[in-house]
Amino acid sequence: MNALATTSMGLALVVATLAALCDSRRGQIPNSLTLPPIVVAPFVYGLAFGLEYALHSLASAFLTGLVPYLLFRRGAMGGGDVKLFGALGAMTGFDLLIGIEIQMAALVVAMVAACGALAWKGALLRTLGNGFMQTLNPLVPARWRQQPCDALSAPVRMGGAIFAATGIFAAPYLVAAWSEW
């Protein structure tokens, strides 16, 4: 099982690295990078370890991609990011929660990066204030309602954040394998 986890995490880190490079250069994560792991990982788990692991991989892909898919449907996340999360979930299917942990860590990394970029531009406090006022819009009269500022709808490329989060969770597996080698 240790070799399985190390190999899975290493491959997940490779996929996340390639996705981050594609996302930083073109703003897209290609299907040719994300769809094969979603299909191949459960099949490999099933052949190597049986039906239970294949089902774990499928369930992990579904659970890891569910919230990003809902965000995609609302226009808050790109489709490539959704498929990348699903691929990482399928690849790390030996443990149902690792894909979700990568997803949550990636969202935190992206939030910190976005706040850092806003602070660098000098717009962080204004944007946070505007966001707070947006939450009050349903409660105040129409004349006091504020429109969202541009920074609240600015796109954030998730590839780098997903790479960083995958690296955070893959590092212990890879370091442990290296120390045993």
Foldseek 3Di string as FASTA:
>chain_A
DLVLQLVLLVVLLVLLVVQLVCCVPPVARDCVSQVVLLPVLLVVCCVPPRNVLSVLLNLLLCVQLPVVVVCVVVVNHDPRVSSSLSSSRNSNSVDSCLSVQLSVQLVVQQVVVLLVVCVVVVNNVVQVVLVVLQVCQVVDDPVPRDDHDPSVVDHTRSSVSSSVSSCVVSVVSNVVVVVVD
